[in-house]
Amino acid sequence: MAAAPGFRNQRAIWLGPAVGAAGLAMALTGCTATVGGHPVAADPAGKIAPPEVSIFALGRLLLSPGDVDAAAHTSGMQLVKGPLTKMWDDSAGIDNQDCLAAWSPVQAKVYAGSNWSVVRGEILKDGSPSGEGAEHSVVQMVVHFPKTDTAQAFLSRSSSDWSDCENTTITATASDGRRQLWTLSDFAHSDDTLTITQRSAGGGVTCQRALSVHSNVAIDVMVCGADISDQAKKITAAIADGMPRV
């Protein structure tokens, strides 16, 4: 599936003066347990695994603007771009290719070889309907994998990649030549969720990345603003809460 260019352009726009401070593992075995007469996978510890998600239900996992507000403690979030159906390729925009995974959601080169099948997503901002005057930007993406163990393998690989980028400073260059230094810090991996924080040089803009895997879906989120703490993690958790249960 072809990659869509231009996410770094979006980030450059988010950081422009028109929008103020806004910028934006363990695989299951093949055994089964039976619940209500329907076989579902079970892990070695005996826990019942959630049912796998169909590609046709993928887009319905995304949060509404109101649900984003509730999860991220923002106000007035609006959809400004979506549905997004392709991965991005912004590898030319950063000087450290090893940190592309931690830098931006759904990058084609990051997911290459992971056997992913379908991606759906949206970009939201607060402020005016056009995004002018926005204080926060949210990218919420969900990626379908054919099997749960495939998605978990991607999370495990990502955990290593993100960890290696902690306390690293990268230079991001937009297509118009504008450059921005970002420092990656505060990496954490807990409860099948990765988080890492990006801070712009000179302060003013912080972004949190979060990547979580539930069943056969990766939830890939980024939230940017001046008051960012754990909003991206909360959005991934809210999306996961909406997934099918046993």
C-alpha atoms as a PDB file:
ATOM      1  CA  MET A   1       0.000   0.000   0.000  1.00  0.00           C
ATOM      2  CA  ALA A   2       1.442   3.344  -1.028  1.00  0.00           C
ATOM      3  CA  ALA A   3       2.567   5.851   1.572  1.00  0.00           C
ATOM      4  CA  ALA A   4       1.133   9.343   1.653  1.00  0.00           C
ATOM      5  CA  PRO A   5       3.613  12.209   1.922  1.00  0.00           C
ATOM      6  CA  GLY A   6       3.235  15.359   3.920  1.00  0.00           C
ATOM      7  CA  PHE A   7       2.782  14.679   7.620  1.00  0.00           C
ATOM      8  CA  ARG A   8       5.866  16.762   8.424  1.00  0.00           C
ATOM      9  CA  ASN A   9       4.211  19.590   6.482  1.00  0.00           C
ATOM     10  CA  GLN A  10       1.219  19.265   8.790  1.00  0.00           C
ATOM     11  CA  ARG A  11       3.458  19.468  11.824  1.00  0.00           C
ATOM     12  CA  ALA A  12       5.163  22.561  10.415  1.00  0.00           C
ATOM     13  CA  ILE A  13       1.750  24.143   9.922  1.00  0.00           C
ATOM     14  CA  TRP A  14       0.760  23.261  13.481  1.00  0.00           C
ATOM     15  CA  LEU A  15       3.872  25.007  14.759  1.00  0.00           C
ATOM     16  CA  GLY A  16       3.374  28.135  12.663  1.00  0.00           C
ATOM     17  CA  PRO A  17       2.305  31.451  14.177  1.00  0.00           C
ATOM     18  CA  ALA A  18      -1.208  31.084  12.798  1.00  0.00           C
ATOM     19  CA  VAL A  19      -1.922  28.292  15.263  1.00  0.00           C
ATOM     20  CA  GLY A  20       0.046  29.596  18.211  1.00  0.00           C
ATOM     21  CA  ALA A  21       1.568  26.936  20.440  1.00  0.00           C
ATOM     22  CA  ALA A  22      -0.137  23.954  18.844  1.00  0.00           C
ATOM     23  CA  GLY A  23       2.051  21.524  16.941  1.00  0.00           C
ATOM     24  CA  LEU A  24       1.151  19.209  16.871  1.00  0.00           C
ATOM     25  CA  ALA A  25       4.405  -8.196  24.221  1.00  0.00           C
ATOM     26  CA  MET A  26       3.648 -11.156  24.259  1.00  0.00           C
ATOM     27  CA  ALA A  27       2.189 -13.233  21.381  1.00  0.00           C
ATOM     28  CA  LEU A  28      -0.796 -15.481  22.043  1.00  0.00           C
ATOM     29  CA  THR A  29      -0.504 -19.226  21.625  1.00  0.00           C
ATOM     30  CA  GLY A  30      -2.754 -21.223  19.378  1.00  0.00           C
ATOM     31  CA  CYS A  31      -4.805 -22.762  22.199  1.00  0.00           C
ATOM     32  CA  THR A  32      -8.408 -21.731  22.754  1.00  0.00           C
ATOM     33  CA  ALA A  33     -10.933 -21.278  25.519  1.00  0.00           C
ATOM     34  CA  THR A  34     -14.696 -21.478  25.051  1.00  0.00           C
ATOM     35  CA  VAL A  35     -17.059 -18.701  26.127  1.00  0.00           C
ATOM     36  CA  GLY A  36     -20.744 -18.977  25.394  1.00  0.00           C
ATOM     37  CA  GLY A  37     -20.069 -21.752  22.872  1.00  0.00           C
ATOM     38  CA  HIS A  38     -17.671 -19.678  20.736  1.00  0.00           C
ATOM     39  CA  PRO A  39     -13.950 -20.528  20.611  1.00  0.00           C
ATOM     40  CA  VAL A  40     -11.589 -17.634  21.335  1.00  0.00           C
ATOM     41  CA  ALA A  41      -7.834 -17.557  21.821  1.00  0.00           C
ATOM     42  CA  ALA A  42      -6.352 -17.904  25.304  1.00  0.00           C
ATOM     43  CA  ASP A  43      -2.901 -16.986  26.499  1.00  0.00           C
ATOM     44  CA  PRO A  44      -0.572 -19.318  28.427  1.00  0.00           C
ATOM     45  CA  ALA A  45      -1.634 -17.803  31.761  1.00  0.00           C
ATOM     46  CA  GLY A  46      -5.211 -18.843  31.091  1.00  0.00           C
ATOM     47  CA  LYS A  47      -6.587 -15.382  30.389  1.00  0.00           C
ATOM     48  CA  ILE A  48      -9.181 -15.147  27.668  1.00  0.00           C
ATOM     49  CA  ALA A  49      -8.013 -12.978  24.793  1.00  0.00           C
ATOM     50  CA  PRO A  50     -10.348 -10.384  23.268  1.00  0.00           C
ATOM     51  CA  PRO A  51     -11.816 -11.188  19.846  1.00  0.00           C
ATOM     52  CA  GLU A  52      -9.882  -9.992  16.831  1.00  0.00           C
ATOM     53  CA  VAL A  53     -11.200  -6.919  15.039  1.00  0.00           C
ATOM     54  CA  SER A  54     -12.437  -7.012  11.454  1.00  0.00           C
ATOM     55  CA  ILE A  55     -11.013  -4.551   8.944  1.00  0.00           C
ATOM     56  CA  PHE A  56     -14.588  -3.398   8.336  1.00  0.00           C
ATOM     57  CA  ALA A  57     -14.915  -2.272  11.958  1.00  0.00           C
ATOM     58  CA  LEU A  58     -11.572  -0.486  12.092  1.00  0.00           C
ATOM     59  CA  GLY A  59     -12.755   3.069  11.381  1.00  0.00           C
ATOM     60  CA  ARG A  60     -15.474   2.822  14.027  1.00  0.00           C
ATOM     61  CA  LEU A  61     -12.799   2.512  16.721  1.00  0.00           C
ATOM     62  CA  LEU A  62     -11.760   6.157  16.318  1.00  0.00           C
ATOM     63  CA  LEU A  63     -13.002   8.584  18.947  1.00  0.00           C
ATOM     64  CA  SER A  64     -15.526  11.291  18.189  1.00  0.00           C
ATOM     65  CA  PRO A  65     -14.365  14.884  18.825  1.00  0.00           C
ATOM     66  CA  GLY A  66     -16.372  14.889  22.046  1.00  0.00           C
ATOM     67  CA  ASP A  67     -14.754  11.667  23.196  1.00  0.00           C
ATOM     68  CA  VAL A  68     -11.315  13.099  22.397  1.00  0.00           C
ATOM     69  CA  ASP A  69     -12.159  16.100  24.577  1.00  0.00           C
ATOM     70  CA  ALA A  70     -13.241  13.796  27.395  1.00  0.00           C
ATOM     71  CA  ALA A  71     -10.114  11.648  27.185  1.00  0.00           C
ATOM     72  CA  ALA A  72      -7.593  14.457  26.704  1.00  0.00           C
ATOM     73  CA  HIS A  73      -9.265  17.115  28.858  1.00  0.00           C
ATOM     74  CA  THR A  74      -9.445  19.476  25.889  1.00  0.00           C
ATOM     75  CA  SER A  75     -12.381  21.549  24.687  1.00  0.00           C
ATOM     76  CA  GLY A  76     -13.885  22.108  21.258  1.00  0.00           C
ATOM     77  CA  MET A  77     -11.928  19.501  19.304  1.00  0.00           C
ATOM     78  CA  GLN A  78     -12.983  19.337  15.655  1.00  0.00           C
ATOM     79  CA  LEU A  79     -12.134  17.038  12.785  1.00  0.00           C
ATOM     80  CA  VAL A  80      -9.873  18.894  10.344  1.00  0.00           C
ATOM     81  CA  LYS A  81      -8.628  15.994   8.208  1.00  0.00           C
ATOM     82  CA  GLY A  82      -9.925  12.505   7.629  1.00  0.00           C
ATOM     83  CA  PRO A  83     -10.642   9.795   7.130  1.00  0.00           C
ATOM     84  CA  LEU A  84      -6.960   9.034   6.565  1.00  0.00           C
ATOM     85  CA  THR A  85      -6.381   5.752   4.761  1.00  0.00           C
ATOM     86  CA  LYS A  86      -2.660   5.755   3.968  1.00  0.00           C
ATOM     87  CA  MET A  87       0.549   5.756   5.925  1.00  0.00           C
ATOM     88  CA  TRP A  88       2.914   8.710   5.714  1.00  0.00           C
ATOM     89  CA  ASP A  89       6.520   8.849   4.571  1.00  0.00           C
ATOM     90  CA  ASP A  90       8.323  11.678   6.351  1.00  0.00           C
ATOM     91  CA  SER A  91      11.673   9.931   6.556  1.00  0.00           C
ATOM     92  CA  ALA A  92      13.319  12.702   4.521  1.00  0.00           C
ATOM     93  CA  GLY A  93      12.256  15.243   7.140  1.00  0.00           C
ATOM     94  CA  ILE A  94      14.369  14.109  10.079  1.00  0.00           C
ATOM     95  CA  ASP A  95      18.106  13.680  10.440  1.00  0.00           C
ATOM     96  CA  ASN A  96      17.970  10.548  12.619  1.00  0.00           C
ATOM     97  CA  GLN A  97      16.205   7.760  10.759  1.00  0.00           C
ATOM     98  CA  ASP A  98      16.507   5.415  13.735  1.00  0.00           C
ATOM     99  CA  CYS A  99      14.067   7.652  15.633  1.00  0.00           C
ATOM    100  CA  LEU A 100      11.411   7.927  12.934  1.00  0.00           C
ATOM    101  CA  ALA A 101       9.233   5.462  14.837  1.00  0.00           C
ATOM    102  CA  ALA A 102       9.214   7.587  17.983  1.00  0.00           C
ATOM    103  CA  TRP A 103       8.897  10.825  16.031  1.00  0.00           C
ATOM    104  CA  SER A 104       5.663  10.330  14.119  1.00  0.00           C
ATOM    105  CA  PRO A 105       2.620   8.041  13.866  1.00  0.00           C
ATOM    106  CA  VAL A 106       2.025   5.543  11.050  1.00  0.00           C
ATOM    107  CA  GLN A 107       5.230   6.009   9.094  1.00  0.00           C
ATOM    108  CA  ALA A 108       5.429   3.643   6.144  1.00  0.00           C
ATOM    109  CA  LYS A 109       9.087   2.776   6.708  1.00  0.00           C
ATOM    110  CA  VAL A 110       8.416   1.996  10.365  1.00  0.00           C
ATOM    111  CA  TYR A 111       5.567  -0.407   9.601  1.00  0.00           C
ATOM    112  CA  ALA A 112       7.332  -1.959   6.584  1.00  0.00           C
ATOM    113  CA  GLY A 113       7.683  -5.704   6.995  1.00  0.00           C
ATOM    114  CA  SER A 114       5.253  -5.868   9.929  1.00  0.00           C
ATOM    115  CA  ASN A 115       2.489  -7.437   7.802  1.00  0.00           C
ATOM    116  CA  TRP A 116      -0.045  -4.699   8.610  1.00  0.00           C
ATOM    117  CA  SER A 117      -3.084  -4.603   6.324  1.00  0.00           C
ATOM    118  CA  VAL A 118      -5.295  -1.488   6.763  1.00  0.00           C
ATOM    119  CA  VAL A 119      -4.933   1.919   8.419  1.00  0.00           C
ATOM    120  CA  ARG A 120      -7.591   4.462   9.385  1.00  0.00           C
ATOM    121  CA  GLY A 121      -7.198   7.785  11.132  1.00  0.00           C
ATOM    122  CA  GLU A 122      -8.031  11.435  11.666  1.00  0.00           C
ATOM    123  CA  ILE A 123      -6.441  14.756  12.600  1.00  0.00           C
ATOM    124  CA  LEU A 124      -8.328  16.968  15.050  1.00  0.00           C
ATOM    125  CA  LYS A 125      -7.703  20.441  16.462  1.00  0.00           C
ATOM    126  CA  ASP A 126      -9.436  22.865  18.768  1.00  0.00           C
ATOM    127  CA  GLY A 127      -9.871  26.531  17.842  1.00  0.00           C
ATOM    128  CA  SER A 128     -11.818  27.621  14.763  1.00  0.00           C
ATOM    129  CA  PRO A 129     -13.296  25.132  12.268  1.00  0.00           C
ATOM    130  CA  SER A 130     -10.259  25.704  10.032  1.00  0.00           C
ATOM    131  CA  GLY A 131      -7.860  25.019  12.902  1.00  0.00           C
ATOM    132  CA  GLU A 132      -6.812  28.659  13.218  1.00  0.00           C
ATOM    133  CA  GLY A 133      -5.972  29.618  16.796  1.00  0.00           C
ATOM    134  CA  ALA A 134      -5.683  25.984  17.845  1.00  0.00           C
ATOM    135  CA  GLU A 135      -4.004  25.149  21.130  1.00  0.00           C
ATOM    136  CA  HIS A 136      -3.987  21.375  20.674  1.00  0.00           C
ATOM    137  CA  SER A 137      -3.629  18.963  17.776  1.00  0.00           C
ATOM    138  CA  VAL A 138      -4.467  15.267  17.885  1.00  0.00           C
ATOM    139  CA  VAL A 139      -3.571  12.507  15.453  1.00  0.00           C
ATOM    140  CA  GLN A 140      -5.479   9.295  16.133  1.00  0.00           C
ATOM    141  CA  MET A 141      -4.714   6.260  13.971  1.00  0.00           C
ATOM    142  CA  VAL A 142      -5.605   2.568  14.130  1.00  0.00           C
ATOM    143  CA  VAL A 143      -3.720  -0.112  12.200  1.00  0.00           C
ATOM    144  CA  HIS A 144      -5.124  -3.559  11.464  1.00  0.00           C
ATOM    145  CA  PHE A 145      -2.954  -6.669  11.575  1.00  0.00           C
ATOM    146  CA  PRO A 146      -4.085 -10.111  10.413  1.00  0.00           C
ATOM    147  CA  LYS A 147      -3.366 -11.714  13.803  1.00  0.00           C
ATOM    148  CA  THR A 148      -2.857 -10.652  17.392  1.00  0.00           C
ATOM    149  CA  ASP A 149       0.636 -12.115  17.582  1.00  0.00           C
ATOM    150  CA  THR A 150       1.666 -10.086  14.516  1.00  0.00           C
ATOM    151  CA  ALA A 151       0.526  -6.867  16.195  1.00  0.00           C
ATOM    152  CA  GLN A 152       2.302  -7.814  19.427  1.00  0.00           C
ATOM    153  CA  ALA A 153       5.514  -8.482  17.503  1.00  0.00           C
ATOM    154  CA  PHE A 154       5.317  -4.956  16.063  1.00  0.00           C
ATOM    155  CA  LEU A 155       4.828  -3.503  19.548  1.00  0.00           C
ATOM    156  CA  SER A 156       7.843  -5.400  20.856  1.00  0.00           C
ATOM    157  CA  ARG A 157      10.027  -4.131  18.032  1.00  0.00           C
ATOM    158  CA  SER A 158       8.736  -0.591  18.534  1.00  0.00           C
ATOM    159  CA  SER A 159       9.510  -0.713  22.242  1.00  0.00           C
ATOM    160  CA  SER A 160      13.175  -1.339  21.487  1.00  0.00           C
ATOM    161  CA  ASP A 161      13.272   1.389  18.830  1.00  0.00           C
ATOM    162  CA  TRP A 162      11.623   4.001  21.057  1.00  0.00           C
ATOM    163  CA  SER A 163      13.773   3.147  24.044  1.00  0.00           C
ATOM    164  CA  ASP A 164      16.936   3.624  21.993  1.00  0.00           C
ATOM    165  CA  CYS A 165      15.778   7.174  21.145  1.00  0.00           C
ATOM    166  CA  GLU A 166      15.256   8.374  24.701  1.00  0.00           C
ATOM    167  CA  ASN A 167      17.286  11.515  25.468  1.00  0.00           C
ATOM    168  CA  THR A 168      18.007  12.011  21.768  1.00  0.00           C
ATOM    169  CA  THR A 169      17.716  15.351  19.952  1.00  0.00           C
ATOM    170  CA  ILE A 170      16.640  15.275  16.325  1.00  0.00           C
ATOM    171  CA  THR A 171      16.362  17.963  13.672  1.00  0.00           C
ATOM    172  CA  ALA A 172      13.100  18.040  11.732  1.00  0.00           C
ATOM    173  CA  THR A 173      12.945  19.914   8.433  1.00  0.00           C
ATOM    174  CA  ALA A 174       9.654  20.839   6.765  1.00  0.00           C
ATOM    175  CA  SER A 175       9.287  20.916   2.987  1.00  0.00           C
ATOM    176  CA  ASP A 176       9.584  24.715   3.053  1.00  0.00           C
ATOM    177  CA  GLY A 177      13.012  24.441   4.712  1.00  0.00           C
ATOM    178  CA  ARG A 178      11.996  25.404   8.239  1.00  0.00           C
ATOM    179  CA  ARG A 179      13.949  23.478  10.855  1.00  0.00           C
ATOM    180  CA  GLN A 180      13.067  22.604  14.429  1.00  0.00           C
ATOM    181  CA  LEU A 181      15.045  20.764  17.098  1.00  0.00           C
ATOM    182  CA  TRP A 182      13.139  18.243  19.209  1.00  0.00           C
ATOM    183  CA  THR A 183      14.309  16.318  22.258  1.00  0.00           C
ATOM    184  CA  LEU A 184      12.791  12.896  22.946  1.00  0.00           C
ATOM    185  CA  SER A 185      12.470  11.890  26.596  1.00  0.00           C
ATOM    186  CA  ASP A 186      10.400  10.096  29.236  1.00  0.00           C
ATOM    187  CA  PHE A 187      10.068   6.777  27.409  1.00  0.00           C
ATOM    188  CA  ALA A 188       7.832   4.270  29.169  1.00  0.00           C
ATOM    189  CA  HIS A 189       6.410   0.834  28.343  1.00  0.00           C
ATOM    190  CA  SER A 190       3.567  -0.327  30.545  1.00  0.00           C
ATOM    191  CA  ASP A 191       0.366  -2.310  30.032  1.00  0.00           C
ATOM    192  CA  ASP A 192       1.040  -2.894  26.320  1.00  0.00           C
ATOM    193  CA  THR A 193       1.398   0.867  25.760  1.00  0.00           C
ATOM    194  CA  LEU A 194       4.501   2.800  24.741  1.00  0.00           C
ATOM    195  CA  THR A 195       4.816   6.532  25.425  1.00  0.00           C
ATOM    196  CA  ILE A 196       7.512   9.075  24.685  1.00  0.00           C
ATOM    197  CA  THR A 197       7.564  12.870  24.950  1.00  0.00           C
ATOM    198  CA  GLN A 198       8.912  15.360  22.400  1.00  0.00           C
ATOM    199  CA  ARG A 199       9.843  18.901  23.404  1.00  0.00           C
ATOM    200  CA  SER A 200      10.695  21.645  20.940  1.00  0.00           C
ATOM    201  CA  ALA A 201      13.909  23.619  21.405  1.00  0.00           C
ATOM    202  CA  GLY A 202      13.170  26.755  23.378  1.00  0.00           C
ATOM    203  CA  GLY A 203       9.997  25.245  24.812  1.00  0.00           C
ATOM    204  CA  GLY A 204       6.453  26.229  23.962  1.00  0.00           C
ATOM    205  CA  VAL A 205       5.380  23.020  22.261  1.00  0.00           C
ATOM    206  CA  THR A 206       5.322  19.498  23.648  1.00  0.00           C
ATOM    207  CA  CYS A 207       4.035  16.376  21.927  1.00  0.00           C
ATOM    208  CA  GLN A 208       3.331  12.977  23.416  1.00  0.00           C
ATOM    209  CA  ARG A 209       3.386   9.848  21.287  1.00  0.00           C
ATOM    210  CA  ALA A 210       1.569   6.722  22.389  1.00  0.00           C
ATOM    211  CA  LEU A 211       1.431   3.307  20.748  1.00  0.00           C
ATOM    212  CA  SER A 212      -0.748   0.556  22.142  1.00  0.00           C
ATOM    213  CA  VAL A 213      -1.726  -2.893  20.903  1.00  0.00           C
ATOM    214  CA  HIS A 214      -5.019  -4.542  21.763  1.00  0.00           C
ATOM    215  CA  SER A 215      -5.971  -7.761  20.041  1.00  0.00           C
ATOM    216  CA  ASN A 216      -4.896  -7.401  16.380  1.00  0.00           C
ATOM    217  CA  VAL A 217      -5.008  -3.578  16.279  1.00  0.00           C
ATOM    218  CA  ALA A 218      -2.244  -1.054  16.919  1.00  0.00           C
ATOM    219  CA  ILE A 219      -3.453   2.306  18.234  1.00  0.00           C
ATOM    220  CA  ASP A 220      -1.015   5.034  17.178  1.00  0.00           C
ATOM    221  CA  VAL A 221      -1.633   8.499  18.656  1.00  0.00           C
ATOM    222  CA  MET A 222       0.101  11.876  18.922  1.00  0.00           C
ATOM    223  CA  VAL A 223      -1.061  14.943  20.849  1.00  0.00           C
ATOM    224  CA  CYS A 224       0.689  18.335  20.665  1.00  0.00           C
ATOM    225  CA  GLY A 225       0.220  21.549  22.612  1.00  0.00           C
ATOM    226  CA  ALA A 226       1.688  23.701  25.358  1.00  0.00           C
ATOM    227  CA  ASP A 227       0.296  21.696  28.299  1.00  0.00           C
ATOM    228  CA  ILE A 228       0.873  18.078  27.277  1.00  0.00           C
ATOM    229  CA  SER A 229       1.354  15.358  29.880  1.00  0.00           C
ATOM    230  CA  ASP A 230      -0.327  11.994  29.229  1.00  0.00           C
ATOM    231  CA  GLN A 231      -3.129  12.954  26.816  1.00  0.00           C
ATOM    232  CA  ALA A 232      -1.958  10.629  24.032  1.00  0.00           C
ATOM    233  CA  LYS A 233      -1.904   7.675  26.411  1.00  0.00           C
ATOM    234  CA  LYS A 234      -5.417   8.511  27.602  1.00  0.00           C
ATOM    235  CA  ILE A 235      -6.699   8.622  24.026  1.00  0.00           C
ATOM    236  CA  THR A 236      -5.182   5.213  23.226  1.00  0.00           C
ATOM    237  CA  ALA A 237      -6.818   3.836  26.359  1.00  0.00           C
ATOM    238  CA  ALA A 238     -10.201   5.292  25.384  1.00  0.00           C
ATOM    239  CA  ILE A 239      -9.943   3.760  21.906  1.00  0.00           C
ATOM    240  CA  ALA A 240      -9.012   0.403  23.437  1.00  0.00           C
ATOM    241  CA  ASP A 241     -12.001   0.633  25.789  1.00  0.00           C
ATOM    242  CA  GLY A 242     -14.255   0.789  22.730  1.00  0.00           C
ATOM    243  CA  MET A 243     -12.902  -2.420  21.226  1.00  0.00           C
ATOM    244  CA  PRO A 244     -14.834  -5.700  21.308  1.00  0.00           C
ATOM    245  CA  ARG A 245     -14.737  -7.629  24.582  1.00  0.00           C
ATOM    246  CA  VAL A 246     -15.083 -11.333  25.264  1.00  0.00           C
END
